[in-house]
Amino acid sequence: MRVTEKGQVTIPKEIRDRLGIIPGSDVDFVADEKGARLVVVSGQGNRSNEDFESWINSVSGTLDTGGMTTDEYMEWLRGPRDDLGSR
């Protein structure tokens, strides 16, 4: 593996897959007595759109607003807003 003029290296696909390194992951190099280690700071914690849609589908229908509209629910949740005057 060679280091480019910009100090970049390509992490082999097998290693990326094994460590869960995806585009946008944060990694770090840590020097120790044997050389340097690659440490994943954040990997699969970065959700893709597909993961997010899957999560949305899994929680869909879990909140019962009792027939309130979004505005009614937000007012119930937060309380009335003084800056809007009385309704």
PDB file of N, CA and C in Angstrom:
ATOM      1  N   MET A   1       0.861  -1.160   0.000  1.00  0.00           N
ATOM      2  CA  MET A   1       0.000   0.000   0.000  1.00  0.00           C
ATOM      3  C   MET A   1       0.910   1.227   0.000  1.00  0.00           C
ATOM      4  N   ARG A   2       0.615   2.166  -0.858  1.00  0.00           N
ATOM      5  CA  ARG A   2       1.424   3.381  -0.960  1.00  0.00           C
ATOM      6  C   ARG A   2       0.665   4.595  -0.455  1.00  0.00           C
ATOM      7  N   VAL A   3       1.419   5.513   0.082  1.00  0.00           N
ATOM      8  CA  VAL A   3       0.867   6.779   0.533  1.00  0.00           C
ATOM      9  C   VAL A   3       1.002   7.771  -0.612  1.00  0.00           C
ATOM     10  N   THR A   4      -0.085   8.489  -0.933  1.00  0.00           N
ATOM     11  CA  THR A   4      -0.035   9.472  -2.022  1.00  0.00           C
ATOM     12  C   THR A   4       0.716  10.719  -1.559  1.00  0.00           C
ATOM     13  N   GLU A   5       0.961  11.622  -2.495  1.00  0.00           N
ATOM     14  CA  GLU A   5       1.639  12.876  -2.161  1.00  0.00           C
ATOM     15  C   GLU A   5       0.844  13.686  -1.135  1.00  0.00           C
ATOM     16  N   LYS A   6      -0.473  13.480  -1.100  1.00  0.00           N
ATOM     17  CA  LYS A   6      -1.326  14.186  -0.148  1.00  0.00           C
ATOM     18  C   LYS A   6      -1.420  13.449   1.189  1.00  0.00           C
ATOM     19  N   GLY A   7      -0.685  12.340   1.337  1.00  0.00           N
ATOM     20  CA  GLY A   7      -0.714  11.582   2.589  1.00  0.00           C
ATOM     21  C   GLY A   7      -1.896  10.641   2.702  1.00  0.00           C
ATOM     22  N   GLN A   8      -2.515  10.316   1.589  1.00  0.00           N
ATOM     23  CA  GLN A   8      -3.701   9.459   1.616  1.00  0.00           C
ATOM     24  C   GLN A   8      -3.343   8.009   1.321  1.00  0.00           C
ATOM     25  N   VAL A   9      -4.118   7.093   1.915  1.00  0.00           N
ATOM     26  CA  VAL A   9      -4.016   5.666   1.614  1.00  0.00           C
ATOM     27  C   VAL A   9      -5.422   5.138   1.366  1.00  0.00           C
ATOM     28  N   THR A  10      -5.509   4.068   0.598  1.00  0.00           N
ATOM     29  CA  THR A  10      -6.796   3.432   0.366  1.00  0.00           C
ATOM     30  C   THR A  10      -6.945   2.271   1.342  1.00  0.00           C
ATOM     31  N   ILE A  11      -8.014   2.283   2.106  1.00  0.00           N
ATOM     32  CA  ILE A  11      -8.286   1.191   3.034  1.00  0.00           C
ATOM     33  C   ILE A  11      -8.924   0.071   2.218  1.00  0.00           C
ATOM     34  N   PRO A  12      -8.332  -1.112   2.227  1.00  0.00           N
ATOM     35  CA  PRO A  12      -8.891  -2.214   1.430  1.00  0.00           C
ATOM     36  C   PRO A  12     -10.347  -2.502   1.792  1.00  0.00           C
ATOM     37  N   LYS A  13     -11.127  -2.907   0.781  1.00  0.00           N
ATOM     38  CA  LYS A  13     -12.550  -3.158   0.963  1.00  0.00           C
ATOM     39  C   LYS A  13     -12.830  -4.178   2.065  1.00  0.00           C
ATOM     40  N   GLU A  14     -12.029  -5.243   2.142  1.00  0.00           N
ATOM     41  CA  GLU A  14     -12.261  -6.259   3.169  1.00  0.00           C
ATOM     42  C   GLU A  14     -12.157  -5.645   4.572  1.00  0.00           C
ATOM     43  N   ILE A  15     -11.200  -4.754   4.751  1.00  0.00           N
ATOM     44  CA  ILE A  15     -11.019  -4.090   6.051  1.00  0.00           C
ATOM     45  C   ILE A  15     -12.174  -3.129   6.319  1.00  0.00           C
ATOM     46  N   ARG A  16     -12.565  -2.335   5.294  1.00  0.00           N
ATOM     47  CA  ARG A  16     -13.699  -1.406   5.457  1.00  0.00           C
ATOM     48  C   ARG A  16     -14.954  -2.163   5.851  1.00  0.00           C
ATOM     49  N   ASP A  17     -15.217  -3.281   5.160  1.00  0.00           N
ATOM     50  CA  ASP A  17     -16.414  -4.078   5.458  1.00  0.00           C
ATOM     51  C   ASP A  17     -16.353  -4.649   6.871  1.00  0.00           C
ATOM     52  N   ARG A  18     -15.211  -5.183   7.255  1.00  0.00           N
ATOM     53  CA  ARG A  18     -15.065  -5.814   8.572  1.00  0.00           C
ATOM     54  C   ARG A  18     -15.231  -4.816   9.710  1.00  0.00           C
ATOM     55  N   LEU A  19     -14.734  -3.576   9.506  1.00  0.00           N
ATOM     56  CA  LEU A  19     -14.790  -2.557  10.557  1.00  0.00           C
ATOM     57  C   LEU A  19     -16.012  -1.647  10.447  1.00  0.00           C
ATOM     58  N   GLY A  20     -16.826  -1.850   9.408  1.00  0.00           N
ATOM     59  CA  GLY A  20     -18.016  -1.013   9.240  1.00  0.00           C
ATOM     60  C   GLY A  20     -17.695   0.400   8.804  1.00  0.00           C
ATOM     61  N   ILE A  21     -16.593   0.562   8.082  1.00  0.00           N
ATOM     62  CA  ILE A  21     -16.204   1.889   7.614  1.00  0.00           C
ATOM     63  C   ILE A  21     -16.965   2.184   6.333  1.00  0.00           C
ATOM     64  N   ILE A  22     -17.731   3.260   6.362  1.00  0.00           N
ATOM     65  CA  ILE A  22     -18.520   3.681   5.202  1.00  0.00           C
ATOM     66  C   ILE A  22     -18.141   5.116   4.861  1.00  0.00           C
ATOM     67  N   PRO A  23     -18.520   5.590   3.658  1.00  0.00           N
ATOM     68  CA  PRO A  23     -18.214   6.989   3.330  1.00  0.00           C
ATOM     69  C   PRO A  23     -18.744   7.925   4.413  1.00  0.00           C
ATOM     70  N   GLY A  24     -17.900   8.819   4.879  1.00  0.00           N
ATOM     71  CA  GLY A  24     -18.269   9.747   5.935  1.00  0.00           C
ATOM     72  C   GLY A  24     -17.848   9.281   7.318  1.00  0.00           C
ATOM     73  N   SER A  25     -17.352   8.031   7.431  1.00  0.00           N
ATOM     74  CA  SER A  25     -16.888   7.531   8.728  1.00  0.00           C
ATOM     75  C   SER A  25     -15.673   8.325   9.190  1.00  0.00           C
ATOM     76  N   ASP A  26     -15.552   8.478  10.492  1.00  0.00           N
ATOM     77  CA  ASP A  26     -14.371   9.104  11.076  1.00  0.00           C
ATOM     78  C   ASP A  26     -13.431   8.008  11.534  1.00  0.00           C
ATOM     79  N   VAL A  27     -12.168   8.096  11.113  1.00  0.00           N
ATOM     80  CA  VAL A  27     -11.148   7.141  11.538  1.00  0.00           C
ATOM     81  C   VAL A  27      -9.956   7.919  12.060  1.00  0.00           C
ATOM     82  N   ASP A  28      -9.122   7.229  12.809  1.00  0.00           N
ATOM     83  CA  ASP A  28      -7.923   7.851  13.357  1.00  0.00           C
ATOM     84  C   ASP A  28      -6.800   6.838  13.293  1.00  0.00           C
ATOM     85  N   PHE A  29      -5.580   7.317  13.235  1.00  0.00           N
ATOM     86  CA  PHE A  29      -4.414   6.455  13.310  1.00  0.00           C
ATOM     87  C   PHE A  29      -3.767   6.678  14.664  1.00  0.00           C
ATOM     88  N   VAL A  30      -3.491   5.585  15.371  1.00  0.00           N
ATOM     89  CA  VAL A  30      -2.891   5.664  16.695  1.00  0.00           C
ATOM     90  C   VAL A  30      -1.533   4.975  16.632  1.00  0.00           C
ATOM     91  N   ALA A  31      -0.475   5.683  17.012  1.00  0.00           N
ATOM     92  CA  ALA A  31       0.871   5.099  17.024  1.00  0.00           C
ATOM     93  C   ALA A  31       1.070   4.319  18.309  1.00  0.00           C
ATOM     94  N   ASP A  32       1.641   3.119  18.199  1.00  0.00           N
ATOM     95  CA  ASP A  32       2.009   2.333  19.377  1.00  0.00           C
ATOM     96  C   ASP A  32       3.379   1.707  19.136  1.00  0.00           C
ATOM     97  N   GLU A  33       3.804   0.812  20.042  1.00  0.00           N
ATOM     98  CA  GLU A  33       5.141   0.237  19.947  1.00  0.00           C
ATOM     99  C   GLU A  33       5.331  -0.640  18.706  1.00  0.00           C
ATOM    100  N   LYS A  34       4.232  -1.110  18.105  1.00  0.00           N
ATOM    101  CA  LYS A  34       4.314  -1.980  16.929  1.00  0.00           C
ATOM    102  C   LYS A  34       4.184  -1.213  15.619  1.00  0.00           C
ATOM    103  N   GLY A  35       3.846   0.056  15.676  1.00  0.00           N
ATOM    104  CA  GLY A  35       3.645   0.843  14.461  1.00  0.00           C
ATOM    105  C   GLY A  35       2.452   1.762  14.615  1.00  0.00           C
ATOM    106  N   ALA A  36       1.466   1.581  13.749  1.00  0.00           N
ATOM    107  CA  ALA A  36       0.259   2.406  13.810  1.00  0.00           C
ATOM    108  C   ALA A  36      -0.960   1.520  13.631  1.00  0.00           C
ATOM    109  N   ARG A  37      -2.038   1.881  14.312  1.00  0.00           N
ATOM    110  CA  ARG A  37      -3.297   1.167  14.200  1.00  0.00           C
ATOM    111  C   ARG A  37      -4.361   2.117  13.670  1.00  0.00           C
ATOM    112  N   LEU A  38      -5.257   1.574  12.859  1.00  0.00           N
ATOM    113  CA  LEU A  38      -6.410   2.323  12.388  1.00  0.00           C
ATOM    114  C   LEU A  38      -7.533   2.118  13.399  1.00  0.00           C
ATOM    115  N   VAL A  39      -8.085   3.214  13.891  1.00  0.00           N
ATOM    116  CA  VAL A  39      -9.164   3.152  14.864  1.00  0.00           C
ATOM    117  C   VAL A  39     -10.388   3.829  14.263  1.00  0.00           C
ATOM    118  N   VAL A  40     -11.514   3.117  14.295  1.00  0.00           N
ATOM    119  CA  VAL A  40     -12.763   3.684  13.782  1.00  0.00           C
ATOM    120  C   VAL A  40     -13.400   4.494  14.892  1.00  0.00           C
ATOM    121  N   VAL A  41     -13.561   5.807  14.649  1.00  0.00           N
ATOM    122  CA  VAL A  41     -14.192   6.687  15.621  1.00  0.00           C
ATOM    123  C   VAL A  41     -15.705   6.600  15.470  1.00  0.00           C
ATOM    124  N   SER A  42     -16.181   6.642  14.233  1.00  0.00           N
ATOM    125  CA  SER A  42     -17.604   6.435  13.957  1.00  0.00           C
ATOM    126  C   SER A  42     -17.718   5.780  12.603  1.00  0.00           C
ATOM    127  N   GLY A  43     -18.495   4.732  12.554  1.00  0.00           N
ATOM    128  CA  GLY A  43     -18.661   4.004  11.298  1.00  0.00           C
ATOM    129  C   GLY A  43     -20.111   3.855  10.964  1.00  0.00           C
ATOM    130  N   GLN A  44     -20.654   2.682  11.236  1.00  0.00           N
ATOM    131  CA  GLN A  44     -22.026   2.406  10.854  1.00  0.00           C
ATOM    132  C   GLN A  44     -23.025   3.195  11.658  1.00  0.00           C
ATOM    133  N   GLY A  45     -22.565   3.966  12.619  1.00  0.00           N
ATOM    134  CA  GLY A  45     -23.462   4.862  13.328  1.00  0.00           C
ATOM    135  C   GLY A  45     -24.002   5.940  12.407  1.00  0.00           C
ATOM    136  N   ASN A  46     -23.352   6.165  11.287  1.00  0.00           N
ATOM    137  CA  ASN A  46     -23.842   7.114  10.291  1.00  0.00           C
ATOM    138  C   ASN A  46     -24.943   6.418   9.510  1.00  0.00           C
ATOM    139  N   ARG A  47     -26.172   6.839   9.714  1.00  0.00           N
ATOM    140  CA  ARG A  47     -27.293   6.171   9.059  1.00  0.00           C
ATOM    141  C   ARG A  47     -27.419   6.597   7.608  1.00  0.00           C
ATOM    142  N   SER A  48     -27.664   5.623   6.742  1.00  0.00           N
ATOM    143  CA  SER A  48     -27.966   5.931   5.360  1.00  0.00           C
ATOM    144  C   SER A  48     -29.454   6.230   5.259  1.00  0.00           C
ATOM    145  N   ASN A  49     -29.882   6.746   4.111  1.00  0.00           N
ATOM    146  CA  ASN A  49     -31.312   7.017   3.917  1.00  0.00           C
ATOM    147  C   ASN A  49     -32.129   5.743   4.074  1.00  0.00           C
ATOM    148  N   GLU A  50     -31.585   4.622   3.581  1.00  0.00           N
ATOM    149  CA  GLU A  50     -32.277   3.347   3.681  1.00  0.00           C
ATOM    150  C   GLU A  50     -32.482   2.949   5.144  1.00  0.00           C
ATOM    151  N   ASP A  51     -31.434   3.113   5.964  1.00  0.00           N
ATOM    152  CA  ASP A  51     -31.540   2.808   7.391  1.00  0.00           C
ATOM    153  C   ASP A  51     -32.566   3.707   8.067  1.00  0.00           C
ATOM    154  N   PHE A  52     -32.577   4.993   7.687  1.00  0.00           N
ATOM    155  CA  PHE A  52     -33.503   5.944   8.285  1.00  0.00           C
ATOM    156  C   PHE A  52     -34.943   5.591   7.925  1.00  0.00           C
ATOM    157  N   GLU A  53     -35.175   5.256   6.652  1.00  0.00           N
ATOM    158  CA  GLU A  53     -36.522   4.872   6.237  1.00  0.00           C
ATOM    159  C   GLU A  53     -36.971   3.608   6.961  1.00  0.00           C
ATOM    160  N   SER A  54     -36.069   2.677   7.164  1.00  0.00           N
ATOM    161  CA  SER A  54     -36.380   1.455   7.899  1.00  0.00           C
ATOM    162  C   SER A  54     -36.786   1.787   9.335  1.00  0.00           C
ATOM    163  N   TRP A  55     -36.057   2.719   9.968  1.00  0.00           N
ATOM    164  CA  TRP A  55     -36.385   3.130  11.333  1.00  0.00           C
ATOM    165  C   TRP A  55     -37.754   3.812  11.372  1.00  0.00           C
ATOM    166  N   ILE A  56     -38.005   4.707  10.414  1.00  0.00           N
ATOM    167  CA  ILE A  56     -39.303   5.405  10.354  1.00  0.00           C
ATOM    168  C   ILE A  56     -40.433   4.386  10.264  1.00  0.00           C
ATOM    169  N   ASN A  57     -40.269   3.393   9.397  1.00  0.00           N
ATOM    170  CA  ASN A  57     -41.310   2.365   9.253  1.00  0.00           C
ATOM    171  C   ASN A  57     -41.491   1.567  10.540  1.00  0.00           C
ATOM    172  N   SER A  58     -40.415   1.348  11.282  1.00  0.00           N
ATOM    173  CA  SER A  58     -40.515   0.550  12.505  1.00  0.00           C
ATOM    174  C   SER A  58     -41.248   1.296  13.625  1.00  0.00           C
ATOM    175  N   VAL A  59     -41.241   2.626  13.623  1.00  0.00           N
ATOM    176  CA  VAL A  59     -41.915   3.383  14.679  1.00  0.00           C
ATOM    177  C   VAL A  59     -43.239   3.987  14.207  1.00  0.00           C
ATOM    178  N   SER A  60     -43.572   3.784  12.955  1.00  0.00           N
ATOM    179  CA  SER A  60     -44.814   4.324  12.404  1.00  0.00           C
ATOM    180  C   SER A  60     -46.013   3.785  13.175  1.00  0.00           C
ATOM    181  N   GLY A  61     -46.913   4.687  13.563  1.00  0.00           N
ATOM    182  CA  GLY A  61     -48.119   4.299  14.273  1.00  0.00           C
ATOM    183  C   GLY A  61     -47.942   4.083  15.760  1.00  0.00           C
ATOM    184  N   THR A  62     -46.786   4.421  16.306  1.00  0.00           N
ATOM    185  CA  THR A  62     -46.558   4.193  17.736  1.00  0.00           C
ATOM    186  C   THR A  62     -46.978   5.374  18.594  1.00  0.00           C
ATOM    187  N   LEU A  63     -47.343   6.489  17.991  1.00  0.00           N
ATOM    188  CA  LEU A  63     -47.772   7.661  18.752  1.00  0.00           C
ATOM    189  C   LEU A  63     -49.240   7.924  18.462  1.00  0.00           C
ATOM    190  N   ASP A  64     -50.054   7.892  19.503  1.00  0.00           N
ATOM    191  CA  ASP A  64     -51.477   8.159  19.363  1.00  0.00           C
ATOM    192  C   ASP A  64     -51.739   9.573  19.857  1.00  0.00           C
ATOM    193  N   THR A  65     -52.085  10.461  18.943  1.00  0.00           N
ATOM    194  CA  THR A  65     -52.337  11.863  19.303  1.00  0.00           C
ATOM    195  C   THR A  65     -53.790  12.098  19.680  1.00  0.00           C
ATOM    196  N   GLY A  66     -54.564  11.039  19.738  1.00  0.00           N
ATOM    197  CA  GLY A  66     -55.967  11.187  20.137  1.00  0.00           C
ATOM    198  C   GLY A  66     -56.765  12.024  19.158  1.00  0.00           C
ATOM    199  N   GLY A  67     -56.391  12.007  17.895  1.00  0.00           N
ATOM    200  CA  GLY A  67     -57.122  12.746  16.872  1.00  0.00           C
ATOM    201  C   GLY A  67     -56.735  14.211  16.761  1.00  0.00           C
ATOM    202  N   MET A  68     -55.757  14.666  17.555  1.00  0.00           N
ATOM    203  CA  MET A  68     -55.325  16.063  17.484  1.00  0.00           C
ATOM    204  C   MET A  68     -54.565  16.318  16.188  1.00  0.00           C
ATOM    205  N   THR A  69     -54.688  17.539  15.681  1.00  0.00           N
ATOM    206  CA  THR A  69     -53.868  17.946  14.549  1.00  0.00           C
ATOM    207  C   THR A  69     -52.446  18.166  15.049  1.00  0.00           C
ATOM    208  N   THR A  70     -51.525  18.335  14.132  1.00  0.00           N
ATOM    209  CA  THR A  70     -50.135  18.593  14.523  1.00  0.00           C
ATOM    210  C   THR A  70     -50.038  19.844  15.384  1.00  0.00           C
ATOM    211  N   ASP A  71     -50.715  20.924  14.965  1.00  0.00           N
ATOM    212  CA  ASP A  71     -50.678  22.174  15.732  1.00  0.00           C
ATOM    213  C   ASP A  71     -51.281  21.985  17.130  1.00  0.00           C
ATOM    214  N   GLU A  72     -52.397  21.270  17.217  1.00  0.00           N
ATOM    215  CA  GLU A  72     -53.020  21.020  18.512  1.00  0.00           C
ATOM    216  C   GLU A  72     -52.098  20.191  19.402  1.00  0.00           C
ATOM    217  N   TYR A  73     -51.472  19.179  18.827  1.00  0.00           N
ATOM    218  CA  TYR A  73     -50.561  18.332  19.604  1.00  0.00           C
ATOM    219  C   TYR A  73     -49.358  19.136  20.090  1.00  0.00           C
ATOM    220  N   MET A  74     -48.782  19.969  19.227  1.00  0.00           N
ATOM    221  CA  MET A  74     -47.620  20.769  19.612  1.00  0.00           C
ATOM    222  C   MET A  74     -47.995  21.745  20.728  1.00  0.00           C
ATOM    223  N   GLU A  75     -49.177  22.324  20.660  1.00  0.00           N
ATOM    224  CA  GLU A  75     -49.607  23.235  21.722  1.00  0.00           C
ATOM    225  C   GLU A  75     -49.832  22.469  23.023  1.00  0.00           C
ATOM    226  N   TRP A  76     -50.427  21.265  22.927  1.00  0.00           N
ATOM    227  CA  TRP A  76     -50.610  20.441  24.115  1.00  0.00           C
ATOM    228  C   TRP A  76     -49.254  20.062  24.723  1.00  0.00           C
ATOM    229  N   LEU A  77     -48.298  19.729  23.858  1.00  0.00           N
ATOM    230  CA  LEU A  77     -46.973  19.292  24.310  1.00  0.00           C
ATOM    231  C   LEU A  77     -46.174  20.429  24.924  1.00  0.00           C
ATOM    232  N   ARG A  78     -46.163  21.576  24.253  1.00  0.00           N
ATOM    233  CA  ARG A  78     -45.331  22.707  24.676  1.00  0.00           C
ATOM    234  C   ARG A  78     -46.060  23.727  25.536  1.00  0.00           C
ATOM    235  N   GLY A  79     -47.370  23.720  25.449  1.00  0.00           N
ATOM    236  CA  GLY A  79     -48.153  24.752  26.127  1.00  0.00           C
ATOM    237  C   GLY A  79     -48.431  25.873  25.149  1.00  0.00           C
ATOM    238  N   PRO A  80     -49.366  26.742  25.483  1.00  0.00           N
ATOM    239  CA  PRO A  80     -49.716  27.830  24.569  1.00  0.00           C
ATOM    240  C   PRO A  80     -48.548  28.801  24.409  1.00  0.00           C
ATOM    241  N   ARG A  81     -48.463  29.385  23.211  1.00  0.00           N
ATOM    242  CA  ARG A  81     -47.402  30.349  22.935  1.00  0.00           C
ATOM    243  C   ARG A  81     -47.919  31.755  23.212  1.00  0.00           C
ATOM    244  N   ASP A  82     -47.252  32.438  24.117  1.00  0.00           N
ATOM    245  CA  ASP A  82     -47.656  33.797  24.487  1.00  0.00           C
ATOM    246  C   ASP A  82     -47.419  34.787  23.339  1.00  0.00           C
ATOM    247  N   ASP A  83     -46.445  34.495  22.494  1.00  0.00           N
ATOM    248  CA  ASP A  83     -46.099  35.457  21.429  1.00  0.00           C
ATOM    249  C   ASP A  83     -47.105  35.443  20.278  1.00  0.00           C
ATOM    250  N   LEU A  84     -48.070  34.519  20.274  1.00  0.00           N
ATOM    251  CA  LEU A  84     -49.054  34.448  19.200  1.00  0.00           C
ATOM    252  C   LEU A  84     -50.398  35.016  19.622  1.00  0.00           C
ATOM    253  N   GLY A  85     -50.528  35.446  20.835  1.00  0.00           N
ATOM    254  CA  GLY A  85     -51.817  35.921  21.325  1.00  0.00           C
ATOM    255  C   GLY A  85     -52.712  34.754  21.669  1.00  0.00           C
ATOM    256  N   SER A  86     -53.919  35.042  22.105  1.00  0.00           N
ATOM    257  CA  SER A  86     -54.819  33.940  22.484  1.00  0.00           C
ATOM    258  C   SER A  86     -55.511  33.402  21.248  1.00  0.00           C
ATOM    259  N   ARG A  87     -55.871  32.157  21.341  1.00  0.00           N
ATOM    260  CA  ARG A  87     -56.542  31.506  20.208  1.00  0.00           C
ATOM    261  C   ARG A  87     -57.993  31.337  20.501  1.00  0.00           C
TER     262      ARG A  87
END
